Amino acid sequence: MTTIRLLAPTGFLGGGFGLGALERGMGMQPDAIAVDAGSTDPGPSFLGTGLPMMSNRIIKNELAALIVAARKAGIPFIIGSAGGAGTNAGVDNVVSMVKEVAKESKLHFKLAKIYSDIPKERVVAAIKACEIRDFEAGAQLRIEDVQASTGLVGQMGDEPFREALDQGADVIVAGRSCDDSAIAAFAIWKGADPSLAIHMGKILECGAISAEPGAMDVMIGTIEGSAFVLEPGSLARRASVKSVAAHTLYEREDPFVQNGPGRVADMRECRFEQLDERRVRVTGTRGHRTDDYWIKLEGSKPVGYRSFALAGVRCPVTIRNLDSVLPQLEKMTREKIADPSLRIVFAKYGANGVMGALEVNKSVPHEIGLVLETTADTQDVAYDAAVTLAGKLNHAMFDGVKNTAGSVAYRYSPRIHNIGLQYEFSVYHLMKVTSPLECFPIVIEEV
């Protein structure tokens, strides 16, 4: 019976983990350490700029503990979606920290870099060949959106990781990766059932969030033949049928079928069994390869420079009139700042600030946090518009108002903040590729 043990130190590189939990987990003699380091959850900015989502200081501290632990045990250490967005710049940034750790700790190993930036011409060719599908964008991909993108990556499956392991890599720093594939790759490479490994990888990629109490912490998964067992690294946590089954549904459109690069995992026959107080056993996952191989593309493009102000409103008369006052403020601002690129957004936190028009609770709050947001082709226009909005809000006149100012409190001074060039997702589609390795070059070097 094949037994393969993986240690996932946290749900997000830089998210933190207990050193005691790591030590206990390493005492269970894992065969590899694998960690996810990226997501689109924080928005398109990091993909557009290539900047890391977490600070280098935090990432390097965690890398130091994990690389030393992996090399001491003589097992591979695998990172997926390096840098957050998984761009080539993100890979190179994490690699630079890996090399610093190696030098400081006097370690020597074989390093694999796997890149995931997709050339624009490759995507344009796929559009012309009708080999692009909408994923969650809600529209077909346009060539102009591809050309406008400043960040464009593809999500790799498990195959590039396995190729790097074939080439003897001890440490793998990969670009944008399908989260579960990055975690599952080692187990598949060692001969585990791919669907079972992908299911386990889906749970492990969030670390101990699938435990009780959930946290960014160490989680261990062990494949034993046709089953896998999950256990937290910390004795302060436990895996339960409820927590593990619930996390199986995490980020899933379909509760039974999970699509990924080149594979489909079928969980209709899954069974969850409580082995003891802290461990859960999972069986019944099935799956199959797809006839064609499609990868998810993620692209980001700049949409303008942004300024904003954060205000608080507690005056009940002002709160009752905001829905009529704010459109008037926008109209007056546009008359003064007549720039066609200007976009104005109001967000009323405490009154539909999150859900907007979809909010079902229409009760009137006693306090509102009001965001005044402007975006334009230049920072000067965005700033001028934000200054104008804030000034007019201070002295807005409406039915029932008794004071000429003082109905709004600004959180900061200065009240207007310029936050630079902003981005939006421009590509969120699937692209057919000729092979799992086509778009993901691997570079091996000795460190």
Protein backbone atom coordinates (compact mmCIF):
# COMPACT_ATOMS: atom_id res chain seq x y z
CA MET A 1 0.00 0.00 0.00
CA THR A 2 1.37 3.40 -1.07
CA THR A 3 1.88 5.76 1.88
CA ILE A 4 2.81 9.36 1.10
CA ARG A 5 2.79 12.12 3.69
CA LEU A 6 2.65 15.84 2.83
CA LEU A 7 3.06 18.77 5.20
CA ALA A 8 1.32 22.04 4.36
CA PRO A 9 2.74 24.65 6.78
CA THR A 10 0.08 27.30 6.25
CA GLY A 11 -2.69 28.36 3.92
CA PHE A 12 -0.67 31.14 2.34
CA LEU A 13 3.09 31.67 2.41
CA GLY A 14 3.47 34.67 4.71
CA GLY A 15 0.23 33.85 6.52
CA GLY A 16 2.01 32.41 9.55
CA PHE A 17 2.28 29.09 11.37
CA GLY A 18 3.29 27.82 14.79
CA LEU A 19 6.90 26.71 15.10
CA GLY A 20 5.79 24.06 17.59
CA ALA A 21 3.24 22.78 15.08
CA LEU A 22 5.94 22.68 12.40
CA GLU A 23 8.29 20.76 14.69
CA ARG A 24 5.58 18.25 15.56
CA GLY A 25 4.63 17.90 11.90
CA MET A 26 8.22 17.28 10.88
CA GLY A 27 8.37 14.63 13.61
CA MET A 28 5.74 12.72 11.62
CA GLN A 29 8.37 12.35 8.86
CA PRO A 30 6.63 13.94 5.88
CA ASP A 31 7.85 13.08 2.39
CA ALA A 32 7.57 16.68 1.18
CA ILE A 33 6.59 20.20 2.27
CA ALA A 34 4.28 22.07 -0.10
CA VAL A 35 2.74 25.52 0.27
CA ASP A 36 0.49 27.75 -1.77
CA ALA A 37 1.64 31.37 -2.00
CA GLY A 38 -0.91 33.07 -4.20
CA SER A 39 -4.48 33.98 -5.00
CA THR A 40 -6.63 36.37 -7.01
CA ASP A 41 -8.58 37.17 -3.83
CA PRO A 42 -6.65 40.40 -3.06
CA GLY A 43 -7.60 41.75 -6.48
CA PRO A 44 -5.85 42.55 -9.76
CA SER A 45 -3.25 45.07 -8.57
CA PHE A 46 -0.51 42.56 -7.70
CA LEU A 47 -0.84 40.85 -11.05
CA GLY A 48 -0.74 44.18 -12.85
CA THR A 49 2.31 45.48 -10.99
CA GLY A 50 4.19 42.23 -10.30
CA LEU A 51 4.64 43.34 -6.69
CA PRO A 52 4.41 40.77 -3.84
CA MET A 53 1.22 40.45 -1.81
CA MET A 54 3.10 39.92 1.45
CA SER A 55 6.18 41.78 2.70
CA ASN A 56 9.55 40.26 1.88
CA ARG A 57 10.49 40.32 5.57
CA ILE A 58 7.56 38.10 6.52
CA ILE A 59 8.05 35.74 3.58
CA LYS A 60 11.78 35.36 4.20
CA ASN A 61 11.25 34.53 7.88
CA GLU A 62 8.90 31.71 6.93
CA LEU A 63 11.15 30.53 4.10
CA ALA A 64 14.06 30.28 6.52
CA ALA A 65 12.17 27.91 8.84
CA LEU A 66 10.72 25.81 6.03
CA ILE A 67 13.84 25.45 3.88
CA VAL A 68 15.99 24.52 6.86
CA ALA A 69 13.38 21.95 7.97
CA ALA A 70 13.12 20.45 4.50
CA ARG A 71 16.86 20.22 3.92
CA LYS A 72 17.44 18.74 7.38
CA ALA A 73 14.88 16.04 6.56
CA GLY A 74 16.18 15.61 3.01
CA ILE A 75 12.77 16.17 1.42
CA PRO A 76 11.52 18.50 -1.35
CA PHE A 77 10.08 21.92 -0.58
CA ILE A 78 7.52 23.16 -3.12
CA ILE A 79 6.04 26.64 -3.53
CA GLY A 80 3.14 27.39 -5.88
CA SER A 81 2.06 30.85 -7.12
CA ALA A 82 5.20 32.50 -5.79
CA GLY A 83 4.90 36.18 -4.99
CA GLY A 84 1.12 36.05 -4.80
CA ALA A 85 0.08 36.58 -8.41
CA GLY A 86 2.61 34.06 -9.70
CA THR A 87 4.26 36.38 -12.22
CA ASN A 88 7.82 35.85 -13.39
CA ALA A 89 8.79 38.85 -11.25
CA GLY A 90 7.17 37.14 -8.26
CA VAL A 91 9.11 33.94 -8.88
CA ASP A 92 12.40 35.83 -9.16
CA ASN A 93 11.66 37.79 -5.99
CA VAL A 94 11.02 34.63 -3.96
CA VAL A 95 14.05 32.94 -5.52
CA SER A 96 16.24 35.81 -4.36
CA MET A 97 15.05 35.22 -0.79
CA VAL A 98 15.56 31.46 -1.11
CA LYS A 99 19.16 32.12 -2.12
CA GLU A 100 19.65 34.50 0.82
CA VAL A 101 18.39 31.81 3.20
CA ALA A 102 20.68 29.24 1.60
CA LYS A 103 23.69 31.51 1.99
CA GLU A 104 22.88 32.48 5.57
CA SER A 105 22.22 28.86 6.59
CA LYS A 106 25.08 27.41 4.51
CA LEU A 107 22.78 25.15 2.52
CA HIS A 108 23.33 23.68 -0.92
CA PHE A 109 20.56 22.23 -3.09
CA LYS A 110 19.13 21.99 -6.59
CA LEU A 111 16.60 24.76 -7.26
CA ALA A 112 13.88 24.71 -9.91
CA LYS A 113 12.22 27.88 -11.15
CA ILE A 114 8.97 27.39 -13.08
CA TYR A 115 7.69 30.45 -14.89
CA SER A 116 4.08 31.12 -15.83
CA ASP A 117 3.92 34.47 -17.68
CA ILE A 118 2.06 33.88 -20.95
CA PRO A 119 3.21 35.80 -24.07
CA LYS A 120 0.45 38.00 -25.43
CA GLU A 121 0.97 36.69 -28.94
CA ARG A 122 0.27 33.15 -27.70
CA VAL A 123 -3.12 34.24 -26.35
CA VAL A 124 -3.94 36.27 -29.45
CA ALA A 125 -3.20 33.18 -31.58
CA ALA A 126 -5.53 31.14 -29.35
CA ILE A 127 -8.32 33.73 -29.77
CA LYS A 128 -7.96 33.53 -33.55
CA ALA A 129 -7.97 29.72 -33.40
CA CYS A 130 -11.16 29.73 -31.27
CA GLU A 131 -9.25 28.04 -28.43
CA ILE A 132 -10.33 30.44 -25.67
CA ARG A 133 -13.35 29.89 -23.42
CA ASP A 134 -14.96 32.25 -20.96
CA PHE A 135 -14.36 31.16 -17.37
CA GLU A 136 -15.94 33.70 -15.00
CA ALA A 137 -15.44 36.94 -16.92
CA GLY A 138 -18.95 36.90 -18.39
CA ALA A 139 -17.71 37.86 -21.86
CA GLN A 140 -15.55 36.54 -24.64
CA LEU A 141 -11.90 37.57 -24.55
CA ARG A 142 -10.97 40.47 -26.83
CA ILE A 143 -7.56 40.97 -28.39
CA GLU A 144 -7.50 44.58 -27.15
CA ASP A 145 -7.89 43.39 -23.55
CA VAL A 146 -4.94 41.04 -23.98
CA GLN A 147 -2.79 43.80 -25.48
CA ALA A 148 -3.72 46.21 -22.65
CA SER A 149 -2.72 43.74 -19.94
CA THR A 150 0.44 44.45 -17.95
CA GLY A 151 0.29 41.10 -16.15
CA LEU A 152 -0.75 37.86 -17.86
CA VAL A 153 -0.24 34.41 -16.34
CA GLY A 154 -1.51 30.87 -16.77
CA GLN A 155 -2.36 28.40 -14.02
CA MET A 156 -0.16 25.31 -14.27
CA GLY A 157 -1.26 21.86 -13.20
CA ASP A 158 0.82 19.21 -11.44
CA GLU A 159 2.87 18.24 -14.50
CA PRO A 160 5.49 21.04 -14.42
CA PHE A 161 6.18 20.26 -10.75
CA ARG A 162 6.60 16.58 -11.56
CA GLU A 163 8.96 17.43 -14.40
CA ALA A 164 11.07 19.52 -12.00
CA LEU A 165 11.13 16.62 -9.54
CA ASP A 166 12.21 14.32 -12.39
CA GLN A 167 15.14 16.69 -12.90
CA GLY A 168 16.16 16.29 -9.25
CA ALA A 169 14.85 19.56 -7.79
CA ASP A 170 15.09 19.88 -4.01
CA VAL A 171 13.34 23.26 -3.86
CA ILE A 172 10.73 24.34 -6.42
CA VAL A 173 9.61 27.96 -6.77
CA ALA A 174 6.75 28.03 -9.27
CA GLY A 175 4.66 30.77 -10.80
CA ARG A 176 0.87 30.79 -10.94
CA SER A 177 -0.40 27.35 -10.08
CA CYS A 178 -3.71 25.65 -9.59
CA ASP A 179 -3.60 25.55 -5.78
CA ASP A 180 -4.47 21.90 -5.28
CA SER A 181 -2.13 20.80 -8.08
CA ALA A 182 0.87 22.50 -6.46
CA ILE A 183 0.20 20.63 -3.21
CA ALA A 184 -0.71 17.31 -4.84
CA ALA A 185 2.11 17.18 -7.41
CA PHE A 186 4.62 15.34 -5.22
CA ALA A 187 2.12 12.66 -4.25
CA ILE A 188 1.12 12.11 -7.89
CA TRP A 189 4.81 11.95 -8.82
CA LYS A 190 5.28 9.21 -6.22
CA GLY A 191 2.43 7.18 -7.70
CA ALA A 192 -0.64 8.19 -5.70
CA ASP A 193 -4.05 8.18 -7.33
CA PRO A 194 -4.22 11.64 -8.96
CA SER A 195 -7.84 12.35 -8.02
CA LEU A 196 -7.25 11.36 -4.41
CA ALA A 197 -4.12 13.55 -4.28
CA ILE A 198 -5.96 16.50 -5.86
CA HIS A 199 -8.77 16.20 -3.30
CA MET A 200 -6.27 16.12 -0.46
CA GLY A 201 -4.37 19.01 -2.03
CA LYS A 202 -7.57 21.05 -2.20
CA ILE A 203 -7.94 20.74 1.56
CA LEU A 204 -4.26 21.13 2.44
CA GLU A 205 -3.74 24.27 0.35
CA CYS A 206 -5.48 26.26 3.08
CA GLY A 207 -3.39 24.75 5.87
CA ALA A 208 -5.21 24.25 9.15
CA ILE A 209 -8.22 26.34 8.16
CA SER A 210 -9.81 22.91 7.61
CA ALA A 211 -9.29 22.11 11.31
CA GLU A 212 -11.06 23.19 14.51
CA PRO A 213 -10.32 25.89 15.45
CA GLY A 214 -9.29 26.89 11.96
CA ALA A 215 -6.12 28.93 11.47
CA MET A 216 -3.18 29.62 9.21
CA ASP A 217 -1.15 26.74 10.61
CA VAL A 218 0.35 23.34 9.86
CA MET A 219 -1.76 20.53 8.40
CA ILE A 220 -0.56 17.04 7.49
CA GLY A 221 -2.13 14.80 4.87
CA THR A 222 -1.23 11.14 4.47
CA ILE A 223 -2.27 9.07 1.46
CA GLU A 224 -2.69 5.43 2.39
CA GLY A 225 -3.64 3.41 -0.67
CA SER A 226 -7.16 4.46 -1.66
CA ALA A 227 -7.67 6.87 1.25
CA PHE A 228 -6.09 9.93 2.81
CA VAL A 229 -5.95 11.00 6.44
CA LEU A 230 -5.80 14.61 7.69
CA GLU A 231 -4.32 15.77 10.98
CA PRO A 232 -3.32 19.23 12.28
CA GLY A 233 0.26 19.83 13.34
CA SER A 234 -0.79 21.64 16.51
CA LEU A 235 -2.24 19.63 19.39
CA ALA A 236 -4.50 22.61 20.04
CA ARG A 237 -6.45 21.76 16.87
CA ARG A 238 -8.39 18.79 15.58
CA ALA A 239 -9.70 17.63 12.23
CA SER A 240 -13.38 16.75 12.30
CA VAL A 241 -15.72 15.27 9.72
CA LYS A 242 -17.55 18.59 9.68
CA SER A 243 -14.45 20.76 9.21
CA VAL A 244 -12.90 18.54 6.52
CA ALA A 245 -16.13 17.96 4.59
CA ALA A 246 -16.90 21.68 4.76
CA HIS A 247 -13.51 22.58 3.36
CA THR A 248 -13.98 20.10 0.53
CA LEU A 249 -16.70 22.52 -0.63
CA TYR A 250 -14.44 25.57 -0.34
CA GLU A 251 -14.33 27.69 -3.52
CA ARG A 252 -16.47 25.18 -5.39
CA GLU A 253 -19.25 25.83 -7.86
CA ASP A 254 -20.29 22.19 -7.96
CA PRO A 255 -20.35 20.23 -4.67
CA PHE A 256 -19.43 16.98 -6.40
CA VAL A 257 -17.22 17.78 -9.40
CA GLN A 258 -13.98 19.73 -9.38
CA ASN A 259 -12.44 20.71 -12.70
CA GLY A 260 -8.73 21.46 -13.01
CA PRO A 261 -5.99 21.53 -15.62
CA GLY A 262 -6.29 18.23 -17.52
CA ARG A 263 -8.28 16.51 -14.77
CA VAL A 264 -11.74 16.16 -13.29
CA ALA A 265 -12.19 14.99 -9.70
CA ASP A 266 -15.52 13.33 -8.87
CA MET A 267 -16.50 13.39 -5.19
CA ARG A 268 -20.01 11.97 -5.36
CA GLU A 269 -18.90 8.80 -3.60
CA CYS A 270 -16.76 10.52 -0.94
CA ARG A 271 -16.92 9.30 2.63
CA PHE A 272 -15.55 11.06 5.71
CA GLU A 273 -14.71 9.02 8.79
CA GLN A 274 -13.60 10.24 12.23
CA LEU A 275 -10.64 7.97 13.09
CA ASP A 276 -10.03 9.48 16.51
CA GLU A 277 -10.29 12.85 18.24
CA ARG A 278 -7.88 14.60 15.85
CA ARG A 279 -7.86 12.67 12.56
CA VAL A 280 -10.27 12.25 9.65
CA ARG A 281 -10.06 9.62 6.90
CA VAL A 282 -11.42 10.35 3.40
CA THR A 283 -12.26 7.72 0.79
CA GLY A 284 -14.24 7.42 -2.43
CA THR A 285 -12.76 10.21 -4.57
CA ARG A 286 -12.73 9.30 -8.26
CA GLY A 287 -11.71 11.13 -11.39
CA HIS A 288 -10.47 11.06 -14.96
CA ARG A 289 -8.23 12.87 -17.42
CA THR A 290 -9.79 15.25 -19.94
CA ASP A 291 -9.38 14.77 -23.69
CA ASP A 292 -7.95 18.27 -24.16
CA TYR A 293 -5.80 20.31 -21.81
CA TRP A 294 -7.04 23.78 -20.85
CA ILE A 295 -5.36 26.21 -18.48
CA LYS A 296 -6.89 29.21 -16.75
CA LEU A 297 -5.53 32.59 -17.83
CA GLU A 298 -5.45 35.61 -15.52
CA GLY A 299 -4.69 39.08 -16.81
CA SER A 300 -4.74 42.57 -15.33
CA LYS A 301 -4.76 45.99 -16.99
CA PRO A 302 -4.48 49.55 -15.67
CA VAL A 303 -7.72 51.56 -15.46
CA GLY A 304 -6.51 54.89 -14.12
CA TYR A 305 -5.16 56.73 -11.10
CA ARG A 306 -7.20 56.81 -7.92
CA SER A 307 -7.75 59.20 -5.02
CA PHE A 308 -10.06 58.71 -2.08
CA ALA A 309 -11.29 60.16 1.19
CA LEU A 310 -12.68 58.27 4.19
CA ALA A 311 -15.40 60.09 6.09
CA GLY A 312 -17.74 59.27 8.95
CA VAL A 313 -21.33 60.48 9.14
CA ARG A 314 -23.37 60.34 12.35
CA CYS A 315 -25.86 63.14 11.80
CA PRO A 316 -29.26 61.41 11.33
CA VAL A 317 -30.57 64.17 9.04
CA THR A 318 -27.50 63.83 6.78
CA ILE A 319 -27.79 60.03 6.74
CA ARG A 320 -31.45 60.21 5.71
CA ASN A 321 -30.57 62.54 2.82
CA LEU A 322 -27.38 60.91 1.53
CA ASP A 323 -29.07 59.09 -1.35
CA SER A 324 -30.23 62.42 -2.78
CA VAL A 325 -27.18 64.45 -1.75
CA LEU A 326 -24.46 62.24 -3.27
CA PRO A 327 -25.76 62.40 -6.88
CA GLN A 328 -25.90 66.19 -6.56
CA LEU A 329 -22.29 66.24 -5.36
CA GLU A 330 -21.24 64.11 -8.31
CA LYS A 331 -23.08 66.40 -10.75
CA MET A 332 -21.43 69.54 -9.32
CA THR A 333 -18.00 67.89 -9.33
CA ARG A 334 -18.32 66.81 -12.96
CA GLU A 335 -19.33 70.33 -13.93
CA LYS A 336 -16.15 71.62 -12.32
CA ILE A 337 -13.83 68.74 -13.41
CA ALA A 338 -14.94 68.10 -16.97
CA ASP A 339 -12.67 65.17 -17.76
CA PRO A 340 -14.27 62.26 -19.69
CA SER A 341 -12.01 59.69 -17.97
CA LEU A 342 -13.27 60.62 -14.49
CA ARG A 343 -15.10 57.90 -12.55
CA ILE A 344 -16.74 58.61 -9.18
CA VAL A 345 -17.79 55.94 -6.69
CA PHE A 346 -19.47 56.32 -3.30
CA ALA A 347 -19.44 53.45 -0.82
CA LYS A 348 -21.63 53.79 2.27
CA TYR A 349 -20.33 51.31 4.83
CA GLY A 350 -23.11 50.70 7.30
CA ALA A 351 -25.72 51.15 4.57
CA ASN A 352 -25.21 48.86 1.56
CA GLY A 353 -21.46 49.52 1.38
CA VAL A 354 -20.70 45.87 0.65
CA MET A 355 -23.76 44.63 -1.25
CA GLY A 356 -24.86 47.85 -2.90
CA ALA A 357 -28.15 47.48 -4.76
CA LEU A 358 -28.29 43.77 -3.80
CA GLU A 359 -28.64 44.55 -0.08
CA VAL A 360 -31.90 43.23 1.41
CA ASN A 361 -31.65 44.90 4.82
CA LYS A 362 -32.87 48.45 4.25
CA SER A 363 -32.81 49.62 7.88
CA VAL A 364 -31.41 53.08 8.55
CA PRO A 365 -28.12 52.98 10.51
CA HIS A 366 -27.10 55.51 13.14
CA GLU A 367 -23.61 55.82 11.65
CA ILE A 368 -22.06 55.47 8.19
CA GLY A 369 -18.49 55.21 6.98
CA LEU A 370 -18.46 56.98 3.63
CA VAL A 371 -15.78 56.41 0.99
CA LEU A 372 -15.43 59.03 -1.73
CA GLU A 373 -13.49 57.47 -4.61
CA THR A 374 -12.35 59.04 -7.87
CA THR A 375 -10.43 57.47 -10.75
CA ALA A 376 -9.11 59.18 -13.87
CA ASP A 377 -6.41 58.96 -16.52
CA THR A 378 -4.12 61.17 -14.42
CA GLN A 379 -3.54 61.45 -10.69
CA ASP A 380 -4.07 65.22 -10.85
CA VAL A 381 -7.59 64.89 -12.24
CA ALA A 382 -8.48 62.20 -9.68
CA TYR A 383 -7.12 64.37 -6.86
CA ASP A 384 -8.90 67.52 -8.03
CA ALA A 385 -12.18 65.64 -8.25
CA ALA A 386 -11.77 64.11 -4.79
CA VAL A 387 -10.94 67.50 -3.26
CA THR A 388 -14.01 68.97 -4.91
CA LEU A 389 -16.29 66.16 -3.73
CA ALA A 390 -15.06 66.39 -0.14
CA GLY A 391 -15.40 70.14 -0.07
CA LYS A 392 -18.94 70.10 -1.39
CA LEU A 393 -19.91 67.30 1.02
CA ASN A 394 -18.78 69.46 3.94
CA HIS A 395 -21.27 72.17 3.06
CA ALA A 396 -24.08 70.21 1.40
CA MET A 397 -27.51 71.81 1.72
CA PHE A 398 -30.65 69.67 1.88
CA ASP A 399 -34.10 69.56 3.48
CA GLY A 400 -33.90 69.57 7.27
CA VAL A 401 -30.24 70.60 7.55
CA LYS A 402 -29.67 73.13 10.35
CA ASN A 403 -25.89 73.56 10.20
CA THR A 404 -23.73 74.89 7.39
CA ALA A 405 -20.88 72.44 8.12
CA GLY A 406 -19.77 69.79 10.58
CA SER A 407 -22.01 66.89 9.53
CA VAL A 408 -19.04 64.88 8.27
CA ALA A 409 -15.90 63.78 10.14
CA TYR A 410 -12.82 62.84 8.10
CA ARG A 411 -10.73 60.01 9.49
CA TYR A 412 -7.38 61.38 8.32
CA SER A 413 -5.63 64.65 7.69
CA PRO A 414 -4.97 65.31 4.88
CA ARG A 415 -8.33 63.93 3.97
CA ILE A 416 -7.50 63.11 0.32
CA HIS A 417 -5.16 60.22 -0.41
CA ASN A 418 -3.60 59.43 -3.76
CA ILE A 419 -3.05 55.70 -4.23
CA GLY A 420 -1.64 55.67 -7.74
CA LEU A 421 -2.34 53.55 -10.77
CA GLN A 422 -5.15 51.03 -10.28
CA TYR A 423 -5.98 47.82 -12.12
CA GLU A 424 -8.86 45.56 -13.07
CA PHE A 425 -8.96 41.98 -14.31
CA SER A 426 -8.81 41.98 -18.10
CA VAL A 427 -8.43 38.23 -18.72
CA TYR A 428 -10.21 35.50 -16.76
CA HIS A 429 -10.58 32.76 -19.35
CA LEU A 430 -9.50 29.24 -20.29
CA MET A 431 -6.99 28.54 -23.06
CA LYS A 432 -6.34 25.24 -24.81
CA VAL A 433 -2.66 24.24 -24.86
CA THR A 434 -0.74 21.60 -26.77
CA SER A 435 0.71 20.00 -23.63
CA PRO A 436 0.79 20.53 -19.84
CA LEU A 437 4.37 21.84 -20.11
CA GLU A 438 3.98 24.10 -23.15
CA CYS A 439 3.57 27.42 -21.33
CA PHE A 440 5.64 26.75 -18.21
CA PRO A 441 9.43 26.79 -18.78
CA ILE A 442 11.58 25.19 -16.08
CA VAL A 443 15.04 26.45 -15.13
CA ILE A 444 17.28 24.31 -12.91
CA GLU A 445 20.27 25.68 -11.04
CA GLU A 446 22.54 24.74 -8.18
CA VAL A 447 22.32 26.93 -5.09
